Amino acid sequence: MSAGAAPALAREADVFTAALVGAPAAPYVVREYVRGNEALALSPAPGFDSALVALARRGPRRARIADAYAGLFARRSTLRRKLALLVAILEVVPPSDRAFAPRPGSPLATALRLAATVAAALALALAGAVVLAPLQLASRLRREP
């Protein structure tokens, strides 16, 4: 890992943590995220994979849009692997672990939360499709002989 990579990964950890749990990353989370990226060699491939990560790094809202799109159309992307690493760290570190705990409530309240989550995910995926589908298509066309 280059000397300039650690600060960039620390910023990435903050942005992605804000997207996932709505708070900045704790120092321990940042340290483990940087270590995990190094151990797993999570560098995006040139082309669409790199563009997807670059978009996600630009802020929590863009990270959620890029993730929603990647969840449907780029499931093996570096972004999805980076977010999976971060979720694994966040779910075991207080106070972010609370975001992954079950919420008490009636079945109706749970169903309403689920419906709102699905609607938000679909809206994010649609926004991502408008921006990212043309980039993904262009990237694929450039690779073909």
N, C-alpha and C. Protein backbone atom coordinates (compact mmCIF):
# COMPACT_ATOMS: atom_id res chain seq x y z
N MET A 1 0.85 -1.19 0.00
CA MET A 1 0.00 0.00 0.00
C MET A 1 0.89 1.23 0.00
N SER A 2 0.58 2.20 -0.82
CA SER A 2 1.37 3.42 -0.88
C SER A 2 1.05 4.31 0.30
N ALA A 3 1.97 5.24 0.57
CA ALA A 3 1.79 6.15 1.71
C ALA A 3 0.53 7.00 1.56
N GLY A 4 0.16 7.33 0.32
CA GLY A 4 -1.02 8.15 0.10
C GLY A 4 -2.33 7.37 0.17
N ALA A 5 -2.24 6.04 0.18
CA ALA A 5 -3.45 5.22 0.18
C ALA A 5 -4.16 5.24 1.52
N ALA A 6 -3.42 5.26 2.62
CA ALA A 6 -4.04 5.22 3.95
C ALA A 6 -4.98 6.41 4.19
N PRO A 7 -4.56 7.65 3.92
CA PRO A 7 -5.50 8.77 4.10
C PRO A 7 -6.73 8.67 3.20
N ALA A 8 -6.53 8.21 1.96
CA ALA A 8 -7.66 8.05 1.05
C ALA A 8 -8.62 6.98 1.57
N LEU A 9 -8.08 5.88 2.09
CA LEU A 9 -8.93 4.82 2.65
C LEU A 9 -9.61 5.28 3.93
N ALA A 10 -8.95 6.12 4.72
CA ALA A 10 -9.57 6.66 5.94
C ALA A 10 -10.77 7.53 5.56
N ARG A 11 -10.61 8.36 4.56
CA ARG A 11 -11.73 9.19 4.08
C ARG A 11 -12.84 8.30 3.53
N GLU A 12 -12.46 7.27 2.78
CA GLU A 12 -13.43 6.32 2.24
C GLU A 12 -14.20 5.64 3.37
N ALA A 13 -13.50 5.25 4.43
CA ALA A 13 -14.17 4.61 5.57
C ALA A 13 -15.19 5.55 6.19
N ASP A 14 -14.85 6.84 6.31
CA ASP A 14 -15.79 7.81 6.87
C ASP A 14 -17.02 7.97 6.00
N VAL A 15 -16.81 8.09 4.70
CA VAL A 15 -17.93 8.28 3.76
C VAL A 15 -18.83 7.04 3.77
N PHE A 16 -18.23 5.87 3.66
CA PHE A 16 -19.01 4.64 3.60
C PHE A 16 -19.72 4.36 4.92
N THR A 17 -19.07 4.68 6.04
CA THR A 17 -19.72 4.49 7.35
C THR A 17 -20.92 5.41 7.47
N ALA A 18 -20.77 6.65 7.04
CA ALA A 18 -21.90 7.58 7.07
C ALA A 18 -23.04 7.06 6.21
N ALA A 19 -22.72 6.47 5.07
CA ALA A 19 -23.75 5.92 4.20
C ALA A 19 -24.45 4.73 4.84
N LEU A 20 -23.72 3.92 5.57
CA LEU A 20 -24.28 2.70 6.15
C LEU A 20 -25.00 2.91 7.48
N VAL A 21 -24.42 3.74 8.35
CA VAL A 21 -25.00 3.89 9.69
C VAL A 21 -25.31 5.33 10.08
N GLY A 22 -25.00 6.27 9.19
CA GLY A 22 -25.35 7.66 9.46
C GLY A 22 -24.45 8.37 10.45
N ALA A 23 -23.23 7.89 10.65
CA ALA A 23 -22.30 8.51 11.58
C ALA A 23 -20.88 8.35 11.03
N PRO A 24 -19.96 9.20 11.48
CA PRO A 24 -18.58 9.04 11.03
C PRO A 24 -17.96 7.77 11.62
N ALA A 25 -16.92 7.29 11.00
CA ALA A 25 -16.25 6.07 11.46
C ALA A 25 -15.39 6.37 12.69
N ALA A 26 -15.44 5.47 13.65
CA ALA A 26 -14.57 5.55 14.83
C ALA A 26 -13.15 5.23 14.39
N PRO A 27 -12.15 5.72 15.13
CA PRO A 27 -10.75 5.44 14.76
C PRO A 27 -10.45 3.94 14.59
N TYR A 28 -11.00 3.11 15.44
CA TYR A 28 -10.78 1.66 15.32
C TYR A 28 -11.34 1.14 14.00
N VAL A 29 -12.52 1.61 13.62
CA VAL A 29 -13.14 1.19 12.36
C VAL A 29 -12.26 1.58 11.19
N VAL A 30 -11.75 2.80 11.21
CA VAL A 30 -10.88 3.26 10.12
C VAL A 30 -9.63 2.40 10.05
N ARG A 31 -8.99 2.15 11.19
CA ARG A 31 -7.77 1.32 11.22
C ARG A 31 -8.02 -0.07 10.63
N GLU A 32 -9.11 -0.70 11.07
CA GLU A 32 -9.41 -2.05 10.58
C GLU A 32 -9.82 -2.05 9.11
N TYR A 33 -10.50 -1.00 8.68
CA TYR A 33 -10.88 -0.89 7.27
C TYR A 33 -9.64 -0.78 6.39
N VAL A 34 -8.68 0.05 6.80
CA VAL A 34 -7.44 0.19 6.05
C VAL A 34 -6.69 -1.14 6.03
N ARG A 35 -6.59 -1.80 7.18
CA ARG A 35 -5.92 -3.11 7.24
C ARG A 35 -6.63 -4.13 6.35
N GLY A 36 -7.94 -4.15 6.39
CA GLY A 36 -8.71 -5.10 5.59
C GLY A 36 -8.53 -4.87 4.10
N ASN A 37 -8.51 -3.61 3.69
CA ASN A 37 -8.30 -3.29 2.29
C ASN A 37 -6.92 -3.77 1.83
N GLU A 38 -5.93 -3.61 2.70
CA GLU A 38 -4.58 -4.05 2.37
C GLU A 38 -4.53 -5.58 2.30
N ALA A 39 -5.08 -6.24 3.30
CA ALA A 39 -5.02 -7.70 3.36
C ALA A 39 -5.78 -8.36 2.21
N LEU A 40 -6.89 -7.77 1.82
CA LEU A 40 -7.73 -8.35 0.77
C LEU A 40 -7.42 -7.79 -0.62
N ALA A 41 -6.47 -6.87 -0.69
CA ALA A 41 -6.08 -6.24 -1.96
C ALA A 41 -7.31 -5.70 -2.70
N LEU A 42 -8.05 -4.84 -2.01
CA LEU A 42 -9.30 -4.31 -2.57
C LEU A 42 -9.05 -3.03 -3.37
N SER A 43 -8.38 -3.17 -4.47
CA SER A 43 -8.17 -2.05 -5.39
C SER A 43 -9.09 -2.27 -6.59
N PRO A 44 -9.83 -1.23 -6.97
CA PRO A 44 -10.74 -1.42 -8.10
C PRO A 44 -9.99 -1.63 -9.41
N ALA A 45 -10.57 -2.46 -10.25
CA ALA A 45 -10.02 -2.68 -11.60
C ALA A 45 -10.28 -1.44 -12.43
N PRO A 46 -9.44 -1.20 -13.43
CA PRO A 46 -9.69 -0.06 -14.32
C PRO A 46 -11.05 -0.19 -15.01
N GLY A 47 -11.61 0.93 -15.38
CA GLY A 47 -12.89 0.92 -16.08
C GLY A 47 -14.05 1.16 -15.15
N PHE A 48 -15.13 0.45 -15.38
CA PHE A 48 -16.36 0.68 -14.63
C PHE A 48 -16.19 0.46 -13.14
N ASP A 49 -15.46 -0.58 -12.75
CA ASP A 49 -15.25 -0.88 -11.33
C ASP A 49 -14.63 0.32 -10.62
N SER A 50 -13.65 0.91 -11.25
CA SER A 50 -12.98 2.09 -10.69
C SER A 50 -13.92 3.30 -10.64
N ALA A 51 -14.72 3.48 -11.67
CA ALA A 51 -15.68 4.59 -11.70
C ALA A 51 -16.73 4.44 -10.61
N LEU A 52 -17.16 3.21 -10.36
CA LEU A 52 -18.16 2.94 -9.33
C LEU A 52 -17.63 3.31 -7.95
N VAL A 53 -16.40 2.91 -7.65
CA VAL A 53 -15.78 3.24 -6.36
C VAL A 53 -15.56 4.74 -6.26
N ALA A 54 -15.11 5.36 -7.33
CA ALA A 54 -14.87 6.81 -7.33
C ALA A 54 -16.16 7.58 -7.05
N LEU A 55 -17.26 7.16 -7.64
CA LEU A 55 -18.54 7.82 -7.37
C LEU A 55 -18.92 7.64 -5.91
N ALA A 56 -18.79 6.44 -5.39
CA ALA A 56 -19.18 6.17 -4.01
C ALA A 56 -18.35 6.98 -3.01
N ARG A 57 -17.10 7.24 -3.32
CA ARG A 57 -16.22 8.00 -2.43
C ARG A 57 -16.62 9.46 -2.32
N ARG A 58 -17.46 9.93 -3.21
CA ARG A 58 -17.78 11.37 -3.26
C ARG A 58 -18.82 11.81 -2.24
N GLY A 59 -19.33 10.90 -1.43
CA GLY A 59 -20.25 11.29 -0.37
C GLY A 59 -21.22 10.17 -0.04
N PRO A 60 -21.83 10.23 1.15
CA PRO A 60 -22.72 9.15 1.58
C PRO A 60 -23.91 8.91 0.65
N ARG A 61 -24.51 9.96 0.13
CA ARG A 61 -25.65 9.77 -0.77
C ARG A 61 -25.21 9.08 -2.06
N ARG A 62 -24.10 9.51 -2.60
CA ARG A 62 -23.59 8.86 -3.81
C ARG A 62 -23.15 7.43 -3.53
N ALA A 63 -22.64 7.19 -2.34
CA ALA A 63 -22.26 5.81 -1.97
C ALA A 63 -23.50 4.92 -1.92
N ARG A 64 -24.60 5.44 -1.38
CA ARG A 64 -25.84 4.64 -1.34
C ARG A 64 -26.37 4.38 -2.75
N ILE A 65 -26.29 5.37 -3.62
CA ILE A 65 -26.74 5.19 -5.00
C ILE A 65 -25.87 4.15 -5.71
N ALA A 66 -24.55 4.29 -5.58
CA ALA A 66 -23.64 3.34 -6.22
C ALA A 66 -23.85 1.93 -5.67
N ASP A 67 -24.08 1.81 -4.37
CA ASP A 67 -24.30 0.50 -3.77
C ASP A 67 -25.61 -0.12 -4.25
N ALA A 68 -26.66 0.69 -4.32
CA ALA A 68 -27.95 0.17 -4.79
C ALA A 68 -27.84 -0.34 -6.22
N TYR A 69 -27.14 0.40 -7.06
CA TYR A 69 -26.95 -0.03 -8.44
C TYR A 69 -26.09 -1.28 -8.48
N ALA A 70 -24.98 -1.27 -7.77
CA ALA A 70 -24.06 -2.42 -7.78
C ALA A 70 -24.72 -3.67 -7.22
N GLY A 71 -25.61 -3.50 -6.26
CA GLY A 71 -26.31 -4.65 -5.70
C GLY A 71 -27.16 -5.38 -6.73
N LEU A 72 -27.59 -4.66 -7.74
CA LEU A 72 -28.40 -5.27 -8.80
C LEU A 72 -27.59 -5.64 -10.05
N PHE A 73 -26.62 -4.79 -10.41
CA PHE A 73 -25.98 -4.94 -11.71
C PHE A 73 -24.46 -5.14 -11.68
N ALA A 74 -23.85 -5.06 -10.51
CA ALA A 74 -22.39 -5.24 -10.41
C ALA A 74 -22.08 -5.92 -9.08
N ARG A 75 -22.69 -7.06 -8.85
CA ARG A 75 -22.63 -7.73 -7.56
C ARG A 75 -21.21 -8.14 -7.15
N ARG A 76 -20.34 -8.35 -8.09
CA ARG A 76 -18.96 -8.77 -7.77
C ARG A 76 -17.98 -7.61 -7.80
N SER A 77 -18.48 -6.40 -7.77
CA SER A 77 -17.62 -5.22 -7.87
C SER A 77 -16.78 -5.04 -6.60
N THR A 78 -15.73 -4.28 -6.77
CA THR A 78 -14.88 -3.94 -5.62
C THR A 78 -15.67 -3.14 -4.59
N LEU A 79 -16.56 -2.28 -5.04
CA LEU A 79 -17.37 -1.50 -4.10
C LEU A 79 -18.15 -2.43 -3.17
N ARG A 80 -18.79 -3.45 -3.70
CA ARG A 80 -19.57 -4.38 -2.87
C ARG A 80 -18.66 -5.10 -1.88
N ARG A 81 -17.46 -5.45 -2.30
CA ARG A 81 -16.52 -6.13 -1.39
C ARG A 81 -16.05 -5.18 -0.31
N LYS A 82 -15.80 -3.92 -0.65
CA LYS A 82 -15.39 -2.93 0.33
C LYS A 82 -16.50 -2.70 1.36
N LEU A 83 -17.73 -2.60 0.89
CA LEU A 83 -18.84 -2.38 1.80
C LEU A 83 -19.09 -3.60 2.68
N ALA A 84 -18.92 -4.79 2.14
CA ALA A 84 -19.07 -6.01 2.95
C ALA A 84 -18.03 -6.04 4.07
N LEU A 85 -16.79 -5.66 3.74
CA LEU A 85 -15.75 -5.57 4.76
C LEU A 85 -16.15 -4.58 5.84
N LEU A 86 -16.61 -3.43 5.44
CA LEU A 86 -16.97 -2.39 6.41
C LEU A 86 -18.16 -2.82 7.27
N VAL A 87 -19.15 -3.45 6.69
CA VAL A 87 -20.29 -3.93 7.48
C VAL A 87 -19.81 -4.94 8.52
N ALA A 88 -18.91 -5.83 8.13
CA ALA A 88 -18.38 -6.82 9.08
C ALA A 88 -17.69 -6.15 10.26
N ILE A 89 -17.01 -5.05 10.01
CA ILE A 89 -16.36 -4.31 11.09
C ILE A 89 -17.40 -3.57 11.92
N LEU A 90 -18.29 -2.84 11.28
CA LEU A 90 -19.27 -2.01 11.98
C LEU A 90 -20.22 -2.80 12.87
N GLU A 91 -20.58 -4.00 12.43
CA GLU A 91 -21.58 -4.74 13.19
C GLU A 91 -21.06 -5.29 14.51
N VAL A 92 -19.75 -5.21 14.75
CA VAL A 92 -19.20 -5.72 16.01
C VAL A 92 -18.57 -4.63 16.87
N VAL A 93 -18.67 -3.37 16.44
CA VAL A 93 -18.03 -2.27 17.16
C VAL A 93 -19.09 -1.28 17.65
N PRO A 94 -19.17 -1.08 18.99
CA PRO A 94 -20.09 -0.05 19.49
C PRO A 94 -19.60 1.33 19.05
N PRO A 95 -20.43 2.28 18.80
CA PRO A 95 -21.88 2.24 18.87
C PRO A 95 -22.55 1.84 17.55
N SER A 96 -21.76 1.62 16.50
CA SER A 96 -22.36 1.30 15.20
C SER A 96 -23.08 -0.04 15.19
N ASP A 97 -22.75 -0.92 16.13
CA ASP A 97 -23.41 -2.23 16.17
C ASP A 97 -24.91 -2.12 16.38
N ARG A 98 -25.35 -1.02 16.98
CA ARG A 98 -26.80 -0.82 17.20
C ARG A 98 -27.59 -0.72 15.90
N ALA A 99 -26.94 -0.25 14.84
CA ALA A 99 -27.62 -0.12 13.55
C ALA A 99 -27.99 -1.48 12.97
N PHE A 100 -27.34 -2.55 13.45
CA PHE A 100 -27.58 -3.89 12.92
C PHE A 100 -28.42 -4.75 13.86
N ALA A 101 -28.80 -4.19 15.00
CA ALA A 101 -29.60 -4.94 15.98
C ALA A 101 -31.07 -4.92 15.58
N PRO A 102 -31.80 -5.97 15.93
CA PRO A 102 -33.24 -5.98 15.63
C PRO A 102 -33.94 -4.82 16.35
N ARG A 103 -34.94 -4.29 15.70
CA ARG A 103 -35.72 -3.20 16.30
C ARG A 103 -37.03 -3.77 16.83
N PRO A 104 -37.35 -3.43 18.07
CA PRO A 104 -38.63 -3.90 18.60
C PRO A 104 -39.78 -3.16 17.91
N GLY A 105 -40.91 -3.81 17.86
CA GLY A 105 -42.07 -3.17 17.26
C GLY A 105 -43.09 -4.19 16.82
N SER A 106 -44.24 -3.68 16.50
CA SER A 106 -45.32 -4.55 16.07
C SER A 106 -45.05 -5.07 14.65
N PRO A 107 -45.74 -6.12 14.25
CA PRO A 107 -45.59 -6.60 12.87
C PRO A 107 -45.95 -5.53 11.84
N LEU A 108 -46.95 -4.71 12.14
CA LEU A 108 -47.33 -3.65 11.21
C LEU A 108 -46.20 -2.63 11.06
N ALA A 109 -45.61 -2.22 12.18
CA ALA A 109 -44.50 -1.26 12.12
C ALA A 109 -43.32 -1.85 11.35
N THR A 110 -43.06 -3.12 11.55
CA THR A 110 -41.97 -3.79 10.85
C THR A 110 -42.26 -3.83 9.35
N ALA A 111 -43.48 -4.15 8.98
CA ALA A 111 -43.86 -4.19 7.57
C ALA A 111 -43.76 -2.82 6.92
N LEU A 112 -44.14 -1.78 7.64
CA LEU A 112 -44.05 -0.42 7.10
C LEU A 112 -42.59 0.00 6.93
N ARG A 113 -41.73 -0.34 7.90
CA ARG A 113 -40.30 -0.04 7.77
C ARG A 113 -39.70 -0.78 6.57
N LEU A 114 -40.11 -2.03 6.41
CA LEU A 114 -39.61 -2.83 5.29
C LEU A 114 -40.05 -2.23 3.96
N ALA A 115 -41.31 -1.83 3.86
CA ALA A 115 -41.82 -1.22 2.63
C ALA A 115 -41.08 0.08 2.32
N ALA A 116 -40.83 0.89 3.34
CA ALA A 116 -40.11 2.14 3.13
C ALA A 116 -38.67 1.88 2.70
N THR A 117 -38.05 0.86 3.27
CA THR A 117 -36.67 0.50 2.90
C THR A 117 -36.61 0.02 1.46
N VAL A 118 -37.55 -0.81 1.06
CA VAL A 118 -37.58 -1.32 -0.31
C VAL A 118 -37.82 -0.16 -1.29
N ALA A 119 -38.74 0.73 -0.97
CA ALA A 119 -39.01 1.87 -1.85
C ALA A 119 -37.78 2.76 -1.99
N ALA A 120 -37.09 3.01 -0.90
CA ALA A 120 -35.87 3.82 -0.95
C ALA A 120 -34.79 3.13 -1.77
N ALA A 121 -34.64 1.82 -1.59
CA ALA A 121 -33.63 1.08 -2.35
C ALA A 121 -33.93 1.11 -3.84
N LEU A 122 -35.18 0.98 -4.19
CA LEU A 122 -35.55 1.04 -5.61
C LEU A 122 -35.30 2.43 -6.20
N ALA A 123 -35.60 3.46 -5.43
CA ALA A 123 -35.36 4.82 -5.90
C ALA A 123 -33.86 5.06 -6.09
N LEU A 124 -33.05 4.57 -5.16
CA LEU A 124 -31.60 4.72 -5.28
C LEU A 124 -31.07 3.94 -6.49
N ALA A 125 -31.58 2.73 -6.69
CA ALA A 125 -31.14 1.92 -7.83
C ALA A 125 -31.54 2.59 -9.15
N LEU A 126 -32.71 3.19 -9.20
CA LEU A 126 -33.14 3.89 -10.41
C LEU A 126 -32.23 5.09 -10.67
N ALA A 127 -31.93 5.84 -9.62
CA ALA A 127 -31.01 6.99 -9.79
C ALA A 127 -29.65 6.50 -10.26
N GLY A 128 -29.19 5.38 -9.71
CA GLY A 128 -27.92 4.82 -10.15
C GLY A 128 -27.97 4.35 -11.58
N ALA A 129 -29.07 3.78 -11.99
CA ALA A 129 -29.20 3.29 -13.36
C ALA A 129 -29.09 4.42 -14.37
N VAL A 130 -29.65 5.56 -14.03
CA VAL A 130 -29.60 6.71 -14.95
C VAL A 130 -28.16 7.14 -15.18
N VAL A 131 -27.35 7.14 -14.13
CA VAL A 131 -25.98 7.61 -14.24
C VAL A 131 -25.01 6.49 -14.60
N LEU A 132 -25.18 5.33 -13.98
CA LEU A 132 -24.16 4.28 -14.08
C LEU A 132 -24.36 3.28 -15.21
N ALA A 133 -25.58 3.02 -15.62
CA ALA A 133 -25.80 2.04 -16.69
C ALA A 133 -25.08 2.44 -17.98
N PRO A 134 -25.14 3.70 -18.40
CA PRO A 134 -24.39 4.07 -19.61
C PRO A 134 -22.88 3.89 -19.44
N LEU A 135 -22.36 4.19 -18.25
CA LEU A 135 -20.92 4.00 -18.00
C LEU A 135 -20.55 2.53 -18.04
N GLN A 136 -21.38 1.69 -17.46
CA GLN A 136 -21.10 0.25 -17.46
C GLN A 136 -21.16 -0.30 -18.88
N LEU A 137 -22.14 0.11 -19.64
CA LEU A 137 -22.26 -0.34 -21.03
C LEU A 137 -21.06 0.11 -21.85
N ALA A 138 -20.67 1.37 -21.71
CA ALA A 138 -19.52 1.89 -22.45
C ALA A 138 -18.24 1.14 -22.06
N SER A 139 -18.10 0.82 -20.80
CA SER A 139 -16.93 0.08 -20.34
C SER A 139 -16.88 -1.32 -20.96
N ARG A 140 -18.03 -1.97 -21.05
CA ARG A 140 -18.08 -3.30 -21.65
C ARG A 140 -17.78 -3.23 -23.15
N LEU A 141 -18.30 -2.23 -23.82
CA LEU A 141 -18.08 -2.09 -25.25
C LEU A 141 -16.61 -1.83 -25.57
N ARG A 142 -15.93 -1.08 -24.71
CA ARG A 142 -14.50 -0.80 -24.92
C ARG A 142 -13.65 -2.05 -24.77
N ARG A 143 -14.06 -2.98 -23.94
CA ARG A 143 -13.29 -4.21 -23.70
C ARG A 143 -13.43 -5.21 -24.83
N GLU A 144 -14.53 -5.18 -25.55
CA GLU A 144 -14.76 -6.14 -26.63
C GLU A 144 -13.93 -5.77 -27.85
N PRO A 145 -13.36 -6.81 -28.54
CA PRO A 145 -12.53 -6.52 -29.73
C PRO A 145 -13.33 -6.04 -30.91
